[in-house]
């Protein structure tokens, strides 16, 4: 670990599967800025996202080639495996940026096809590994908010597909039938996973260390569903099928936005409890991008809801939330640069990725939180 090269490869080996969440967060802020009438800001984040997307794929390919065992271990992990779905969501959101901003329909279509192929491989692969794994962890050590990336990745493909529309010369009815079916799959996956997470919150002990930022995906999965719904509603005249399913789509869209609106203040309260009541330190991990993304997604989806349902008064909400999203993005990027810069230049250890309580004997919640804080390398 004395040379710069060895420290670089150590960072690559420890690279978290959910790193593409920074592409998701950057991309959705770009889309939100475009919706709010700030094209220059949208273009800036689009440029940043193109660099991030290329860099992360380069690092991921190096990791796959050089450390295949570490990648395979993460892929079959209950806590880490679903994080690979950030690849799908990041690809789809980057494709949406390309289609909306640069008007690169061909690039958007290529990213849709690539994202869909990744979705098939990762979604079925990760959950097959989880379903067949023996022995399985407890609920508290086996589930986190990253599981809801199953919904986010699915609905991100719907958003991109609806943005692109049916290709010229294609069967429009079939295209929109598939998009509506995919939208429904995302809804069902949300219901599956959120039930387990809600049970985890209500009926199992939870330390401050165990409430990691991935639980913000509780809100972003619902918000992504709402944005996907509004994108489909915007294609109501594209095929006769869309008229038949429009009441269903609009109802689920309203429901999803309401669920996201409930989760956002609840997650803020839990974050306050974690960091200011329990005094858990702010230490950068890639999971913090999972907190930036919901702020941007809620901003974008509320703006879209305002247009789709004809409620201009709702625009007050995205007008405020965009500043929260921009501030969170800047702080998280600063944390990334500081944390990885210190590790690369000085060989400083990276903080632990999450915490799972394994003690079976009675314990003090406060002392367990203290142990978790030390494990994070405060």
Protein backbone atom coordinates (compact mmCIF):
# COMPACT_ATOMS: atom_id res chain seq x y z
CA UNK A 1 0.00 0.00 0.00
CA UNK A 2 3.03 2.29 -0.25
CA UNK A 3 2.71 3.10 -3.95
CA UNK A 4 0.02 5.18 -5.62
CA UNK A 5 -0.80 2.31 -7.97
CA UNK A 6 -1.36 -0.18 -5.16
CA UNK A 7 -3.61 2.26 -3.34
CA UNK A 8 -5.59 2.85 -6.55
CA UNK A 9 -6.20 -0.87 -7.06
CA UNK A 10 -7.15 -1.24 -3.39
CA UNK A 11 -9.82 1.40 -3.96
CA UNK A 12 -11.01 -0.40 -7.08
CA UNK A 13 -11.26 -3.68 -5.20
CA UNK A 14 -13.29 -2.01 -2.42
CA UNK A 15 -15.52 -0.21 -4.94
CA UNK A 16 -19.16 -0.40 -3.81
CA UNK A 17 -21.72 -1.87 -6.25
CA UNK A 18 -24.03 1.12 -5.70
CA UNK A 19 -21.53 3.71 -7.00
CA UNK A 20 -23.69 4.39 -10.06
CA UNK A 21 -26.10 6.11 -7.68
CA UNK A 22 -24.03 9.25 -8.28
CA UNK A 23 -24.98 9.02 -11.98
CA UNK A 24 -28.61 8.62 -10.97
CA UNK A 25 -28.46 11.63 -8.64
CA UNK A 26 -26.62 13.86 -11.09
CA UNK A 27 -28.88 12.89 -13.96
CA UNK A 28 -32.18 13.45 -12.18
CA UNK A 29 -31.05 16.86 -10.91
CA UNK A 30 -30.31 17.73 -14.53
CA UNK A 31 -33.82 16.64 -15.56
CA UNK A 32 -35.34 18.58 -12.65
CA UNK A 33 -33.46 21.74 -13.60
CA UNK A 34 -34.68 21.42 -17.18
CA UNK A 35 -38.27 21.10 -15.98
CA UNK A 36 -37.81 24.18 -13.78
CA UNK A 37 -36.61 26.31 -16.69
CA UNK A 38 -32.86 26.26 -16.05
CA UNK A 39 -31.36 24.72 -19.22
CA UNK A 40 -27.80 25.93 -18.56
CA UNK A 41 -27.83 24.11 -15.20
CA UNK A 42 -29.26 21.02 -16.85
CA UNK A 43 -26.49 21.08 -19.46
CA UNK A 44 -23.82 21.47 -16.78
CA UNK A 45 -25.02 18.40 -14.90
CA UNK A 46 -25.37 16.50 -18.17
CA UNK A 47 -21.68 17.15 -18.91
CA UNK A 48 -20.68 16.11 -15.40
CA UNK A 49 -22.79 12.98 -15.73
CA UNK A 50 -21.18 11.95 -19.00
CA UNK A 51 -17.78 12.06 -17.27
CA UNK A 52 -19.05 10.16 -14.22
CA UNK A 53 -20.72 7.49 -16.35
CA UNK A 54 -17.59 6.85 -18.40
CA UNK A 55 -15.31 6.87 -15.34
CA UNK A 56 -17.47 4.49 -13.33
CA UNK A 57 -17.75 2.00 -16.19
CA UNK A 58 -13.96 2.10 -16.58
CA UNK A 59 -13.45 1.39 -12.89
CA UNK A 60 -16.12 -1.32 -12.86
CA UNK A 61 -14.56 -3.11 -15.83
CA UNK A 62 -11.15 -2.98 -14.14
CA UNK A 63 -12.70 -4.45 -11.00
CA UNK A 64 -14.47 -7.22 -12.93
CA UNK A 65 -11.26 -8.19 -14.75
CA UNK A 66 -8.86 -7.86 -11.83
CA UNK A 67 -11.06 -8.90 -8.88
CA UNK A 68 -13.81 -11.19 -10.22
CA UNK A 69 -14.19 -12.99 -6.87
CA UNK A 70 -14.94 -9.72 -5.06
CA UNK A 71 -17.53 -8.79 -7.70
CA UNK A 72 -19.15 -12.24 -7.49
CA UNK A 73 -19.25 -12.02 -3.69
CA UNK A 74 -20.98 -8.64 -3.84
CA UNK A 75 -23.39 -9.84 -6.54
CA UNK A 76 -24.67 -12.68 -4.36
CA UNK A 77 -24.85 -10.61 -1.15
CA UNK A 78 -28.23 -9.70 0.38
CA UNK A 79 -27.05 -6.20 1.27
CA UNK A 80 -24.72 -5.42 -1.63
CA UNK A 81 -26.21 -7.31 -4.57
CA UNK A 82 -29.21 -5.02 -5.21
CA UNK A 83 -26.76 -2.10 -5.42
CA UNK A 84 -25.75 -3.31 -8.90
CA UNK A 85 -29.17 -2.13 -10.09
CA UNK A 86 -27.84 1.43 -9.88
CA UNK A 87 -26.13 0.52 -13.17
CA UNK A 88 -29.54 0.08 -14.80
CA UNK A 89 -31.09 3.18 -13.28
CA UNK A 90 -28.01 5.29 -13.99
CA UNK A 91 -27.94 4.15 -17.62
CA UNK A 92 -31.64 4.87 -18.12
CA UNK A 93 -31.50 8.30 -16.49
CA UNK A 94 -28.40 9.22 -18.49
CA UNK A 95 -30.32 8.12 -21.59
CA UNK A 96 -33.25 10.33 -20.60
CA UNK A 97 -30.85 13.26 -20.25
CA UNK A 98 -29.45 12.57 -23.70
CA UNK A 99 -32.92 12.38 -25.25
CA UNK A 100 -34.29 15.50 -23.54
CA UNK A 101 -31.27 17.79 -23.64
CA UNK A 102 -29.07 16.76 -26.54
CA UNK A 103 -31.96 15.39 -28.64
CA UNK A 104 -29.84 12.30 -29.27
CA UNK A 105 -32.68 9.86 -29.87
CA UNK A 106 -30.34 7.20 -31.21
CA UNK A 107 -28.10 7.47 -28.13
CA UNK A 108 -31.17 7.31 -25.89
CA UNK A 109 -32.43 4.22 -27.71
CA UNK A 110 -29.02 2.54 -27.44
CA UNK A 111 -28.87 3.29 -23.71
CA UNK A 112 -32.42 1.94 -23.31
CA UNK A 113 -31.45 -1.35 -24.96
CA UNK A 114 -28.24 -1.59 -22.94
CA UNK A 115 -30.04 -0.71 -19.70
CA UNK A 116 -32.77 -3.26 -20.42
CA UNK A 117 -30.16 -5.98 -21.00
CA UNK A 118 -28.46 -5.06 -17.70
CA UNK A 119 -31.88 -5.07 -15.99
CA UNK A 120 -32.59 -8.63 -17.14
CA UNK A 121 -29.18 -9.92 -16.07
CA UNK A 122 -28.89 -8.08 -12.75
CA UNK A 123 -32.48 -8.21 -11.49
CA UNK A 124 -32.99 -11.91 -12.09
CA UNK A 125 -29.39 -12.78 -11.28
CA UNK A 126 -29.25 -11.00 -7.92
CA UNK A 127 -32.63 -12.21 -6.72
CA UNK A 128 -31.95 -15.77 -7.89
CA UNK A 129 -28.77 -15.71 -5.80
CA UNK A 130 -30.66 -14.26 -2.82
CA UNK A 131 -33.57 -16.71 -3.11
CA UNK A 132 -31.31 -19.78 -3.31
CA UNK A 133 -28.65 -18.72 -0.81
CA UNK A 134 -28.18 -20.96 2.24
CA UNK A 135 -27.99 -19.99 5.04
CA UNK A 136 -29.86 -16.71 4.85
CA UNK A 137 -29.28 -13.73 7.16
CA UNK A 138 -31.90 -12.36 9.51
CA UNK A 139 -34.25 -9.65 8.26
CA UNK A 140 -32.25 -6.96 10.08
CA UNK A 141 -28.98 -8.06 8.45
CA UNK A 142 -30.44 -8.98 5.08
CA UNK A 143 -32.56 -6.08 3.89
CA UNK A 144 -31.98 -2.38 3.36
CA UNK A 145 -33.31 0.37 1.14
CA UNK A 146 -31.12 -0.75 -1.78
CA UNK A 147 -33.62 -3.54 -2.43
CA UNK A 148 -36.01 -0.87 -3.72
CA UNK A 149 -33.59 -0.25 -6.58
CA UNK A 150 -35.59 -3.06 -8.18
CA UNK A 151 -38.40 -0.53 -8.57
CA UNK A 152 -36.20 2.47 -9.34
CA UNK A 153 -34.36 0.65 -12.14
CA UNK A 154 -37.60 -0.64 -13.63
CA UNK A 155 -39.37 2.71 -13.58
CA UNK A 156 -36.26 4.49 -14.92
CA UNK A 157 -36.51 2.31 -18.02
CA UNK A 158 -40.19 3.26 -18.32
CA UNK A 159 -39.31 6.96 -18.09
CA UNK A 160 -36.70 6.63 -20.84
CA UNK A 161 -38.97 4.48 -23.01
CA UNK A 162 -41.89 6.90 -22.72
CA UNK A 163 -39.56 9.85 -23.40
CA UNK A 164 -38.35 8.21 -26.61
CA UNK A 165 -41.79 7.00 -27.71
CA UNK A 166 -42.41 4.19 -30.17
CA UNK A 167 -39.72 4.04 -32.91
CA UNK A 168 -40.81 4.86 -36.44
CA UNK A 169 -42.16 1.80 -38.21
CA UNK A 170 -42.64 -0.17 -34.99
CA UNK A 171 -45.84 -1.62 -33.55
CA UNK A 172 -46.83 1.28 -31.24
CA UNK A 173 -49.47 -0.80 -29.44
CA UNK A 174 -46.87 -3.44 -28.55
CA UNK A 175 -44.30 -0.85 -27.43
CA UNK A 176 -46.70 0.90 -25.07
CA UNK A 177 -48.14 -2.39 -23.84
CA UNK A 178 -44.61 -3.43 -22.80
CA UNK A 179 -43.96 -0.07 -21.13
CA UNK A 180 -47.24 -0.28 -19.19
CA UNK A 181 -46.44 -3.84 -18.16
CA UNK A 182 -42.97 -2.75 -17.04
CA UNK A 183 -44.53 0.10 -15.07
CA UNK A 184 -46.76 -2.46 -13.31
CA UNK A 185 -43.77 -4.70 -12.53
CA UNK A 186 -42.10 -1.76 -10.80
CA UNK A 187 -45.23 -1.14 -8.71
CA UNK A 188 -45.44 -4.80 -7.66
CA UNK A 189 -41.74 -4.92 -6.75
CA UNK A 190 -42.21 -1.81 -4.59
CA UNK A 191 -45.08 -3.46 -2.72
CA UNK A 192 -43.03 -6.62 -2.16
CA UNK A 193 -39.98 -4.83 -0.76
CA UNK A 194 -41.57 -1.95 1.15
CA UNK A 195 -43.60 -4.47 3.15
CA UNK A 196 -40.39 -6.07 4.44
CA UNK A 197 -38.78 -2.69 5.14
CA UNK A 198 -41.85 -1.40 7.00
CA UNK A 199 -41.89 -4.58 9.09
CA UNK A 200 -38.17 -4.07 9.77
CA UNK A 201 -38.78 -0.50 10.95
CA UNK A 202 -41.77 -1.33 13.14
CA UNK A 203 -41.04 -4.70 14.70
CA UNK A 204 -37.27 -5.24 14.91
CA UNK A 205 -34.80 -3.24 16.99
CA UNK A 206 -32.89 -0.74 14.88
CA UNK A 207 -29.74 1.09 15.90
CA UNK A 208 -28.71 4.44 14.48
CA UNK A 209 -25.84 2.69 12.69
CA UNK A 210 -28.28 0.39 10.90
CA UNK A 211 -30.38 3.23 9.52
CA UNK A 212 -28.13 3.94 6.54
CA UNK A 213 -28.91 6.42 3.73
CA UNK A 214 -30.12 3.66 1.39
CA UNK A 215 -33.48 3.86 3.17
CA UNK A 216 -34.06 7.15 1.37
CA UNK A 217 -34.84 4.94 -1.63
CA UNK A 218 -38.17 4.30 0.14
CA UNK A 219 -39.13 7.75 -1.15
CA UNK A 220 -37.26 7.74 -4.47
CA UNK A 221 -38.79 4.43 -5.59
CA UNK A 222 -42.26 5.89 -5.12
CA UNK A 223 -41.23 9.18 -6.75
CA UNK A 224 -39.72 7.33 -9.72
CA UNK A 225 -43.01 5.45 -10.11
CA UNK A 226 -44.87 8.78 -10.13
CA UNK A 227 -42.52 10.25 -12.75
CA UNK A 228 -42.86 7.13 -14.90
CA UNK A 229 -46.64 7.40 -14.59
CA UNK A 230 -46.67 11.01 -15.75
CA UNK A 231 -44.42 10.08 -18.69
CA UNK A 232 -46.95 7.43 -19.75
CA UNK A 233 -49.85 9.83 -19.20
CA UNK A 234 -48.13 12.20 -21.63
CA UNK A 235 -48.45 9.47 -24.29
CA UNK A 236 -52.19 9.00 -23.78
CA UNK A 237 -52.92 9.59 -27.48
CA UNK A 238 -50.06 7.49 -28.83
CA UNK A 239 -52.04 4.24 -29.07
CA UNK A 240 -55.63 3.09 -28.33
CA UNK A 241 -54.24 0.93 -25.52
CA UNK A 242 -53.15 4.01 -23.61
CA UNK A 243 -56.70 5.27 -23.39
CA UNK A 244 -57.78 1.97 -21.83
CA UNK A 245 -55.10 1.99 -19.12
CA UNK A 246 -55.05 5.74 -18.48
CA UNK A 247 -57.33 5.59 -15.37
CA UNK A 248 -55.11 2.89 -13.86
CA UNK A 249 -51.89 4.77 -14.69
CA UNK A 250 -53.17 8.09 -13.33
CA UNK A 251 -54.46 6.48 -10.12
CA UNK A 252 -51.19 4.67 -9.41
CA UNK A 253 -49.27 7.85 -10.24
CA UNK A 254 -51.23 9.83 -7.67
CA UNK A 255 -50.80 7.04 -5.12
CA UNK A 256 -47.04 6.84 -5.71
CA UNK A 257 -46.56 10.61 -5.39
CA UNK A 258 -48.56 10.61 -2.15
CA UNK A 259 -46.41 7.75 -0.79
CA UNK A 260 -43.21 9.64 -1.68
CA UNK A 261 -44.62 12.77 -0.03
CA UNK A 262 -45.24 10.80 3.16
CA UNK A 263 -41.79 9.23 3.19
CA UNK A 264 -39.75 12.43 2.67
CA UNK A 265 -40.55 14.12 6.04
CA UNK A 266 -40.45 10.74 7.80
CA UNK A 267 -36.95 10.08 6.49
CA UNK A 268 -35.86 13.58 7.46
CA UNK A 269 -37.02 12.91 11.02
CA UNK A 270 -35.17 9.60 11.11
CA UNK A 271 -32.04 11.29 9.76
CA UNK A 272 -32.27 13.93 12.49
CA UNK A 273 -32.65 11.16 15.08
CA UNK A 274 -29.66 9.30 13.69
CA UNK A 275 -27.19 12.16 13.45
CA UNK A 276 -28.32 14.69 16.07
CA UNK A 277 -30.02 12.61 18.75
CA UNK A 278 -27.81 9.51 18.52
CA UNK A 279 -24.86 11.63 17.28
CA UNK A 280 -23.88 9.20 14.56
CA UNK A 281 -21.13 10.87 12.50
CA UNK A 282 -21.46 12.06 8.92
CA UNK A 283 -18.86 9.91 7.16
CA UNK A 284 -18.92 9.65 3.38
CA UNK A 285 -19.96 6.36 1.80
CA UNK A 286 -21.44 5.84 -1.69
CA UNK A 287 -24.77 5.21 0.05
CA UNK A 288 -25.14 8.96 0.58
CA UNK A 289 -25.89 9.33 -3.14
CA UNK A 290 -29.01 7.33 -2.33
CA UNK A 291 -30.09 10.34 -0.26
CA UNK A 292 -29.29 12.90 -2.97
CA UNK A 293 -31.22 10.98 -5.65
CA UNK A 294 -34.60 11.06 -3.85
CA UNK A 295 -34.39 14.83 -3.39
CA UNK A 296 -33.82 15.29 -7.12
CA UNK A 297 -36.40 12.67 -8.08
CA UNK A 298 -39.05 14.16 -5.80
CA UNK A 299 -38.35 17.58 -7.32
CA UNK A 300 -38.72 16.26 -10.88
CA UNK A 301 -41.78 14.12 -10.21
CA UNK A 302 -43.66 16.86 -8.34
CA UNK A 303 -43.07 19.23 -11.25
CA UNK A 304 -44.37 16.56 -13.62
CA UNK A 305 -47.37 15.86 -11.37
CA UNK A 306 -48.20 19.57 -11.37
CA UNK A 307 -48.31 19.56 -15.18
CA UNK A 308 -50.05 16.21 -15.62
CA UNK A 309 -52.87 16.89 -13.16
CA UNK A 310 -53.15 20.63 -13.80
CA UNK A 311 -52.24 21.77 -10.28
CA UNK A 312 -49.90 24.76 -10.74
CA UNK A 313 -49.87 25.45 -6.99
CA UNK A 314 -47.70 22.35 -6.50
CA UNK A 315 -44.78 24.07 -8.24
CA UNK A 316 -43.89 25.70 -4.93
CA UNK A 317 -42.58 22.31 -3.77
CA UNK A 318 -40.02 21.63 -6.54
CA UNK A 319 -39.00 25.30 -6.40
CA UNK A 320 -37.82 24.67 -2.83
CA UNK A 321 -36.63 21.06 -3.10
CA UNK A 322 -34.25 21.77 -5.96
CA UNK A 323 -32.07 23.75 -3.53
CA UNK A 324 -32.03 20.85 -1.07
CA UNK A 325 -31.04 18.55 -3.94
CA UNK A 326 -28.27 20.86 -5.18
CA UNK A 327 -26.90 21.37 -1.67
CA UNK A 328 -26.93 17.64 -0.91
CA UNK A 329 -25.23 16.91 -4.26
CA UNK A 330 -22.45 19.42 -3.59
CA UNK A 331 -21.83 18.16 -0.04
CA UNK A 332 -21.80 14.52 -1.11
CA UNK A 333 -19.42 15.25 -3.98
CA UNK A 334 -17.12 17.05 -1.54
CA UNK A 335 -17.26 14.00 0.73
CA UNK A 336 -16.40 11.73 -2.19
CA UNK A 337 -13.38 13.83 -3.22
CA UNK A 338 -12.11 14.15 0.36
CA UNK A 339 -12.61 10.49 1.30
CA UNK A 340 -11.19 8.92 -1.87
CA UNK A 341 -8.49 11.56 -2.19
CA UNK A 342 -7.17 10.80 1.30
CA UNK A 343 -7.32 7.06 0.61
CA UNK A 344 -5.49 7.42 -2.71
CA UNK A 345 -2.83 9.95 -1.68
CA UNK A 346 -2.26 9.01 1.96
CA UNK A 347 -3.52 5.45 2.21
CA UNK A 348 -6.20 6.45 4.75
CA UNK A 349 -8.59 3.55 5.46
CA UNK A 350 -12.08 3.72 4.05
CA UNK A 351 -14.97 3.69 6.52
CA UNK A 352 -16.94 0.47 6.85
CA UNK A 353 -19.82 0.01 4.40
CA UNK A 354 -22.77 -0.21 6.75
CA UNK A 355 -23.19 -1.99 10.05
CA UNK A 356 -25.03 -5.14 11.07
CA UNK A 357 -25.61 -6.08 14.69
CA UNK A 358 -24.82 -9.72 15.33
CA UNK A 359 -24.95 -9.89 19.14
CA UNK A 360 -27.51 -12.36 20.47
CA UNK A 361 -27.09 -11.50 24.14
CA UNK A 362 -28.85 -8.53 25.77
CA UNK A 363 -27.01 -5.32 25.04
CA UNK A 364 -27.19 -1.57 25.44
CA UNK A 365 -28.43 0.22 22.35
CA UNK A 366 -26.15 3.14 23.15
CA UNK A 367 -23.07 0.96 23.47
CA UNK A 368 -23.89 -0.84 20.23
CA UNK A 369 -24.17 2.49 18.45
CA UNK A 370 -20.78 3.45 19.90
CA UNK A 371 -19.25 0.25 18.56
CA UNK A 372 -20.75 0.97 15.16
CA UNK A 373 -19.36 4.50 15.21
CA UNK A 374 -15.86 3.16 15.89
CA UNK A 375 -16.28 0.61 13.09
CA UNK A 376 -16.96 3.44 10.68
CA UNK A 377 -13.57 4.95 11.49
CA UNK A 378 -14.78 8.15 13.15
